[in-house]
Every structure is written in C-alpha cells, then in structure tokens.
Amino acid sequence: MKSYPFYFYTGIVLILFMQLCLLLDIRIITIWATPTLWTGLILLTDGILAKTNRSLIQNRALGKLAFISVLSWWMFEWFNIFFSNWHYQGLLQTLHFRYLGYLWAFATIFPGVLLVYGIIVTIIPKILYKQFHLTSSFLIASFIIGLLFLFIPIIPFSMYYTNRAADPDLFIWLSWSANTFYSEFTAGFIWLAFIFILEPLNYLLNRPSLYAELVLGKYSKLLALIVAGLLCGYLWEFWNWWAATKWIYTVPILPHIKLFEMPILGYIGFATFAWEIYAITALVYPKAITILERER
C-alpha cells in the first residue's frame, strides 16, 4: 500500500503546533493562526489524497489553484465594500507583513475547500435521484439571474452618485434604495451569483459541472460540496475564534445567535460558497477538479 508523503506529517505538526499556541494564547504566533492552520490542513488532506493519486501537490496543480484563490477572494473582499459584513481585527501594523498574511491566507481558501471535498466525495455513498430536466431557457435564466444578483449589493451605493448620470431622473425610480444599510442585507446574493453565472458556462463548455451531474440524476458531488463547505466553515470559525488576528461579523440578520463569531444563519453561505469555488475552478482551471474527482 502506498505510504503517506512526508508533507502529510508536516501538516499534522503545523496544526498541532498552532492549536497549542492558541490554547496558550501566544499572540506573537497566533497572529499567523489562520494561514498556518489552513496550510497544515492542505498538506494533511493532500497527503491523504496522494495515496489514491489525486494529490494537487504531486500533480503540480496547487500553485495555480492558490493563485486563483488569491484573485477570487480579493474579488469577494471588493464586494464586501458594499455589504460590509466582515471586518478584520488585530492586524499587523506593518503593511508589507500584513499583505504577506493576506496573500498567504487567501491562497489557502480554494485548495482547502476543494481538498476536503476531494476526500468527502470518495467516502460519500452514490446518491441517484430524479434527473433534472435542463433546457436552454433554464441556462439563460440562470445566467441572467446570476448577473442580477451581482448588481444588487451595488445599487444602494450607486444611488448616491446619480448626479454623475447623463440625467439623474433616469434613476428616480431607484432613489428609495439610496441607503447603504440596505446593502448589508445583500451578501447572500453574492454567495449564489457565481453558481448561477458559471454553471451554465461550465455545462456548455463541457467542464466539470454540477448542473451536468443533476441532469444525470447524480447528487453525490453536490452533497459532498455542501458537507465540505459546512465543515470548512466550522473550521474557519473555530480557529478564527481563538486567533489574535481574526475577523468579526456585522450581519444584520439575527446577529446575536452565533456559533463562534459567525451568526448561525451565515453557515448556510459556506455551503453555497463551496459550490462557487467549484464553479470558478471548473471554468478557469478544470485540471484541479479533474484530479480530485479521478476514479480511485
């Protein structure tokens, strides 16, 4: 039987070391908790998948996926300007070290979720159910709905600047929305938008697609992604709760019913975010998905 690669054990050591530092509250170290723990998780999970030749590291796919992760999460940070639902605390004062932390942490997001998915998809039983009837009208509607979802958080902000329009009265029917407080309720649209936009493209381009799986009546990958998203969400929030450098939430819906820092309803977003990660990766770097979904 194929043995675990050396970095599998490195991942375990990183997680145990940082968890000990969190318990002892060694703040000079735990400012790096999130990227260190997620690097450990990536090494551990990739090491497990290496035994079945599905390693992103050994197939030289991790670097590109990490780069995609950085760019994609920075995009989500841009959207957070509009709905302002999370904020960072305990940041390093030196900007270049702070940016090192951002780059490192952001680079772990996509690989971490997809590697966890890669493990879950192999152990989850096959789920066959009613085949989804997919029409061209549905694909078009999905794409348009996704685009609308992208714009919804931006509308309240843009209404403050109608004086820059060719005729401000063109948007008088949206003047009621000129209140940034409304944007704070719109994060959910962003955690769905890229599913609706990218799944039709992936389906038509013959890339990995959950729409294609549902057409065949196969629901295992969808369930595996949901479980991976919820599990990763729990780990993010559990480790973040202890860390010196961390994020907090200003979510307007049931903000005081929380598990760690995250309001409980926010965990739903981790499930859909995992699907967005899958869809983005399938479009721009399908090799990574293909590696993880190989038959053992």
Protein backbone atom coordinates (compact mmCIF):
# COMPACT_ATOMS: atom_id res chain seq x y z
CA MET A 1 0.00 0.00 0.00
CA LYS A 2 1.26 3.47 -0.91
CA SER A 3 2.56 5.38 2.13
CA TYR A 4 1.69 8.93 3.09
CA PRO A 5 4.07 11.59 1.70
CA PHE A 6 6.30 13.40 4.18
CA TYR A 7 4.29 16.61 3.99
CA PHE A 8 1.25 14.78 5.38
CA TYR A 9 3.05 14.62 8.72
CA THR A 10 4.23 18.22 8.33
CA GLY A 11 0.57 19.22 8.09
CA ILE A 12 -0.29 17.39 11.29
CA VAL A 13 2.62 19.06 13.11
CA LEU A 14 1.60 22.53 11.89
CA ILE A 15 -1.98 22.06 13.09
CA LEU A 16 -0.97 20.65 16.48
CA PHE A 17 1.68 23.34 17.00
CA MET A 18 -0.64 26.23 16.19
CA GLN A 19 -3.51 24.74 18.18
CA LEU A 20 -1.20 24.54 21.20
CA CYS A 21 -0.18 28.18 20.68
CA LEU A 22 -3.86 29.14 20.52
CA LEU A 23 -4.59 27.31 23.78
CA LEU A 24 -1.63 29.03 25.45
CA ASP A 25 -2.59 32.39 23.87
CA ILE A 26 0.87 33.06 22.45
CA ARG A 27 -0.26 36.09 20.48
CA ILE A 28 3.02 36.77 18.70
CA ILE A 29 2.50 33.42 16.96
CA THR A 30 -1.30 33.25 16.74
CA ILE A 31 -1.44 36.36 14.57
CA TRP A 32 -0.49 33.84 11.87
CA ALA A 33 -3.03 31.23 13.01
CA THR A 34 -5.37 31.21 10.02
CA PRO A 35 -2.82 30.74 7.20
CA THR A 36 -0.72 28.32 9.27
CA LEU A 37 -3.63 26.08 10.24
CA TRP A 38 -5.04 26.04 6.73
CA THR A 39 -1.63 25.28 5.27
CA GLY A 40 -1.47 22.37 7.70
CA LEU A 41 -4.93 21.21 6.63
CA ILE A 42 -3.97 21.44 2.95
CA LEU A 43 -0.82 19.36 3.50
CA LEU A 44 -2.74 16.80 5.56
CA THR A 45 -5.66 16.38 3.15
CA ASP A 46 -3.46 16.39 0.06
CA GLY A 47 -1.33 13.72 1.70
CA ILE A 48 -4.42 11.56 2.18
CA LEU A 49 -5.43 12.01 -1.47
CA ALA A 50 -1.87 11.24 -2.60
CA LYS A 51 -2.49 7.62 -1.66
CA THR A 52 -5.03 7.43 -4.49
CA ASN A 53 -3.01 9.55 -6.95
CA ARG A 54 -5.27 12.58 -6.51
CA SER A 55 -2.74 14.93 -4.97
CA LEU A 56 -2.76 18.55 -6.13
CA ILE A 57 0.83 18.93 -4.95
CA GLN A 58 2.20 15.88 -6.75
CA ASN A 59 0.24 16.75 -9.88
CA ARG A 60 1.64 20.30 -9.76
CA ALA A 61 -1.78 21.91 -9.56
CA LEU A 62 -1.63 23.52 -6.12
CA GLY A 63 0.30 26.65 -7.14
CA LYS A 64 -2.13 27.68 -9.87
CA LEU A 65 -5.13 26.93 -7.68
CA ALA A 66 -3.65 29.04 -4.89
CA PHE A 67 -3.17 31.92 -7.34
CA ILE A 68 -6.80 31.63 -8.48
CA SER A 69 -7.82 31.58 -4.82
CA VAL A 70 -5.99 34.84 -4.08
CA LEU A 71 -7.54 36.67 -7.03
CA SER A 72 -11.01 35.29 -6.39
CA TRP A 73 -11.08 36.09 -2.68
CA TRP A 74 -9.84 39.61 -3.34
CA MET A 75 -12.88 39.96 -5.59
CA PHE A 76 -15.13 38.89 -2.70
CA GLU A 77 -13.33 41.41 -0.48
CA TRP A 78 -14.26 44.06 -3.05
CA PHE A 79 -17.92 43.05 -2.79
CA ASN A 80 -17.62 43.35 0.99
CA ILE A 81 -17.07 47.09 0.48
CA PHE A 82 -20.76 47.21 -0.41
CA PHE A 83 -22.36 44.91 2.16
CA SER A 84 -19.69 45.36 4.86
CA ASN A 85 -20.43 42.09 6.66
CA TRP A 86 -16.96 41.16 7.93
CA HIS A 87 -14.05 43.14 9.35
CA TYR A 88 -10.51 42.23 10.42
CA GLN A 89 -9.11 42.81 13.89
CA GLY A 90 -5.64 42.53 15.41
CA LEU A 91 -3.94 43.28 12.12
CA LEU A 92 -0.19 43.78 11.87
CA GLN A 93 0.74 47.44 11.73
CA THR A 94 3.49 46.91 9.16
CA LEU A 95 1.71 46.92 5.83
CA HIS A 96 4.06 44.61 3.91
CA PHE A 97 3.76 41.92 6.63
CA ARG A 98 0.01 42.42 6.66
CA TYR A 99 -0.12 41.87 2.90
CA LEU A 100 2.03 38.77 3.28
CA GLY A 101 -0.60 37.47 5.69
CA TYR A 102 -3.40 38.33 3.27
CA LEU A 103 -1.71 36.61 0.33
CA TRP A 104 -0.91 33.52 2.39
CA ALA A 105 -4.38 33.26 3.93
CA PHE A 106 -6.25 33.97 0.70
CA ALA A 107 -4.14 31.36 -1.13
CA THR A 108 -5.39 28.60 1.18
CA ILE A 109 -9.13 29.12 0.64
CA PHE A 110 -9.81 27.32 -2.64
CA PRO A 111 -7.28 24.49 -2.09
CA GLY A 112 -8.53 23.89 1.45
CA VAL A 113 -12.18 23.57 0.48
CA LEU A 114 -11.56 21.52 -2.65
CA LEU A 115 -9.18 19.09 -0.94
CA VAL A 116 -11.73 18.48 1.82
CA TYR A 117 -14.30 17.96 -0.93
CA GLY A 118 -11.94 15.52 -2.65
CA ILE A 119 -11.89 13.36 0.47
CA ILE A 120 -15.62 13.55 1.16
CA VAL A 121 -16.63 12.76 -2.43
CA THR A 122 -14.79 9.43 -2.18
CA ILE A 123 -16.47 8.28 1.02
CA ILE A 124 -20.00 9.56 0.47
CA PRO A 125 -22.38 6.97 -0.98
CA LYS A 126 -23.68 7.37 -4.50
CA ILE A 127 -26.98 9.22 -4.49
CA LEU A 128 -29.19 8.72 -7.52
CA TYR A 129 -32.46 10.59 -7.74
CA LYS A 130 -34.75 12.23 -10.25
CA GLN A 131 -32.94 13.56 -13.31
CA PHE A 132 -33.03 17.33 -13.68
CA HIS A 133 -34.50 18.49 -16.99
CA LEU A 134 -32.14 21.20 -18.21
CA THR A 135 -33.30 23.43 -21.06
CA SER A 136 -31.62 26.27 -22.92
CA SER A 137 -34.19 28.61 -21.36
CA PHE A 138 -33.11 27.49 -17.88
CA LEU A 139 -29.43 28.08 -18.69
CA ILE A 140 -30.15 31.58 -19.99
CA ALA A 141 -32.35 32.39 -16.99
CA SER A 142 -29.68 31.07 -14.61
CA PHE A 143 -27.03 33.29 -16.20
CA ILE A 144 -29.22 36.42 -16.14
CA ILE A 145 -30.30 35.83 -12.52
CA GLY A 146 -26.65 35.47 -11.55
CA LEU A 147 -25.79 38.80 -13.16
CA LEU A 148 -28.69 40.50 -11.38
CA PHE A 149 -27.51 39.05 -8.08
CA LEU A 150 -24.07 40.59 -8.65
CA PHE A 151 -25.57 44.06 -9.09
CA ILE A 152 -27.97 44.02 -6.15
CA PRO A 153 -25.39 44.92 -3.43
CA ILE A 154 -24.03 47.74 -5.59
CA ILE A 155 -27.33 49.53 -6.26
CA PRO A 156 -27.72 51.34 -2.89
CA PHE A 157 -24.19 52.75 -3.21
CA SER A 158 -24.60 53.81 -6.81
CA MET A 159 -27.76 55.78 -6.00
CA TYR A 160 -25.63 58.26 -4.04
CA TYR A 161 -23.94 59.24 -7.32
CA THR A 162 -26.87 59.73 -9.69
CA ASN A 163 -25.76 63.35 -10.14
CA ARG A 164 -22.99 61.92 -12.34
CA ALA A 165 -25.52 60.33 -14.72
CA ALA A 166 -26.50 61.87 -18.06
CA ASP A 167 -29.85 62.61 -16.45
CA PRO A 168 -30.28 61.91 -12.72
CA ASP A 169 -34.00 61.42 -13.27
CA LEU A 170 -33.27 58.26 -15.25
CA PHE A 171 -32.92 56.53 -11.88
CA ILE A 172 -35.58 58.33 -9.87
CA TRP A 173 -37.45 55.03 -9.57
CA LEU A 174 -34.47 53.65 -7.60
CA SER A 175 -33.99 56.70 -5.38
CA TRP A 176 -35.65 54.88 -2.48
CA SER A 177 -32.67 52.49 -2.34
CA ALA A 178 -30.06 55.21 -1.65
CA ASN A 179 -29.25 53.80 1.77
CA THR A 180 -26.12 51.72 2.33
CA PHE A 181 -27.85 49.93 5.21
CA TYR A 182 -29.85 48.01 2.62
CA SER A 183 -26.62 46.64 1.16
CA GLU A 184 -25.82 44.93 4.44
CA PHE A 185 -28.70 42.52 3.77
CA THR A 186 -27.47 41.53 0.31
CA ALA A 187 -24.43 39.31 0.94
CA GLY A 188 -26.48 36.19 0.25
CA PHE A 189 -26.89 37.25 -3.37
CA ILE A 190 -23.10 37.19 -3.85
CA TRP A 191 -22.83 33.70 -2.34
CA LEU A 192 -25.24 32.50 -5.04
CA ALA A 193 -24.41 34.69 -8.04
CA PHE A 194 -21.38 32.80 -9.34
CA ILE A 195 -23.22 29.49 -9.20
CA PHE A 196 -25.96 30.83 -11.48
CA ILE A 197 -23.49 32.57 -13.81
CA LEU A 198 -20.78 29.93 -14.13
CA GLU A 199 -22.67 26.64 -14.01
CA PRO A 200 -24.35 27.26 -17.41
CA LEU A 201 -20.96 28.16 -18.91
CA ASN A 202 -19.28 25.08 -17.46
CA TYR A 203 -22.13 22.88 -18.67
CA LEU A 204 -21.99 24.25 -22.21
CA LEU A 205 -18.18 24.16 -22.33
CA ASN A 206 -18.14 20.54 -21.12
CA ARG A 207 -16.20 21.43 -18.00
CA PRO A 208 -16.90 19.88 -14.58
CA SER A 209 -20.41 21.00 -13.70
CA LEU A 210 -22.93 20.13 -11.02
CA TYR A 211 -25.70 21.04 -13.44
CA ALA A 212 -24.40 18.20 -15.60
CA GLU A 213 -24.44 15.87 -12.60
CA LEU A 214 -28.05 16.77 -11.80
CA VAL A 215 -29.07 16.14 -15.41
CA LEU A 216 -27.80 12.58 -14.92
CA GLY A 217 -29.64 12.28 -11.62
CA LYS A 218 -26.38 12.16 -9.64
CA TYR A 219 -26.46 14.12 -6.39
CA SER A 220 -23.36 12.79 -4.62
CA LYS A 221 -20.99 15.59 -5.68
CA LEU A 222 -23.49 18.28 -4.71
CA LEU A 223 -23.92 16.75 -1.25
CA ALA A 224 -20.15 16.33 -0.90
CA LEU A 225 -19.64 20.02 -1.70
CA ILE A 226 -22.28 21.09 0.81
CA VAL A 227 -20.70 18.95 3.53
CA ALA A 228 -17.21 20.23 2.62
CA GLY A 229 -18.40 23.83 2.75
CA LEU A 230 -20.07 23.39 6.15
CA LEU A 231 -17.08 21.51 7.59
CA CYS A 232 -14.59 24.09 6.31
CA GLY A 233 -16.84 26.88 7.55
CA TYR A 234 -16.85 25.33 11.01
CA LEU A 235 -13.06 25.01 10.99
CA TRP A 236 -12.62 28.60 9.77
CA GLU A 237 -14.81 29.93 12.57
CA PHE A 238 -13.46 27.59 15.26
CA TRP A 239 -9.84 28.51 14.59
CA ASN A 240 -10.65 32.17 13.99
CA TRP A 241 -12.35 32.41 17.40
CA TRP A 242 -9.03 31.70 19.15
CA ALA A 243 -6.73 33.72 16.88
CA ALA A 244 -5.05 37.05 17.68
CA THR A 245 -5.62 38.28 14.13
CA LYS A 246 -9.21 37.47 13.29
CA TRP A 247 -12.41 38.59 11.61
CA ILE A 248 -15.72 39.60 13.13
CA TYR A 249 -19.13 39.97 11.53
CA THR A 250 -21.66 42.79 11.35
CA VAL A 251 -24.52 40.80 9.86
CA PRO A 252 -27.90 42.50 10.36
CA ILE A 253 -30.00 39.30 10.44
CA LEU A 254 -30.08 37.52 13.85
CA PRO A 255 -26.60 38.84 14.70
CA HIS A 256 -26.64 37.62 18.31
CA ILE A 257 -27.40 33.95 17.59
CA LYS A 258 -23.85 32.85 16.90
CA LEU A 259 -21.55 29.85 16.76
CA PHE A 260 -18.13 31.36 17.49
CA GLU A 261 -18.00 34.73 15.66
CA MET A 262 -20.38 33.72 12.86
CA PRO A 263 -24.15 34.32 13.18
CA ILE A 264 -25.73 30.91 12.77
CA LEU A 265 -27.54 31.74 9.53
CA GLY A 266 -24.21 32.64 7.95
CA TYR A 267 -23.16 29.00 7.90
CA ILE A 268 -25.59 28.45 5.03
CA GLY A 269 -23.32 30.70 2.97
CA PHE A 270 -20.39 28.31 3.44
CA ALA A 271 -22.31 25.59 1.60
CA THR A 272 -23.06 27.78 -1.42
CA PHE A 273 -19.56 29.31 -1.30
CA ALA A 274 -18.09 25.83 -1.71
CA TRP A 275 -20.18 25.42 -4.88
CA GLU A 276 -18.93 28.80 -6.12
CA ILE A 277 -15.35 27.69 -5.51
CA TYR A 278 -16.04 24.55 -7.52
CA ALA A 279 -17.66 26.52 -10.37
CA ILE A 280 -14.91 29.14 -10.57
CA THR A 281 -12.18 26.49 -10.54
CA ALA A 282 -14.00 24.34 -13.09
CA LEU A 283 -14.14 27.27 -15.50
CA VAL A 284 -10.61 28.66 -15.22
CA TYR A 285 -8.63 25.59 -14.09
CA PRO A 286 -10.63 22.39 -14.65
CA LYS A 287 -7.49 20.27 -14.22
CA ALA A 288 -7.72 20.71 -10.45
CA ILE A 289 -11.28 19.36 -10.34
CA THR A 290 -10.40 16.51 -12.69
CA ILE A 291 -7.53 15.44 -10.41
CA LEU A 292 -9.72 15.45 -7.30
CA GLU A 293 -12.56 13.54 -8.97
CA ARG A 294 -10.44 10.79 -10.52
CA GLU A 295 -11.62 7.25 -10.00
CA ARG A 296 -9.55 5.54 -7.36
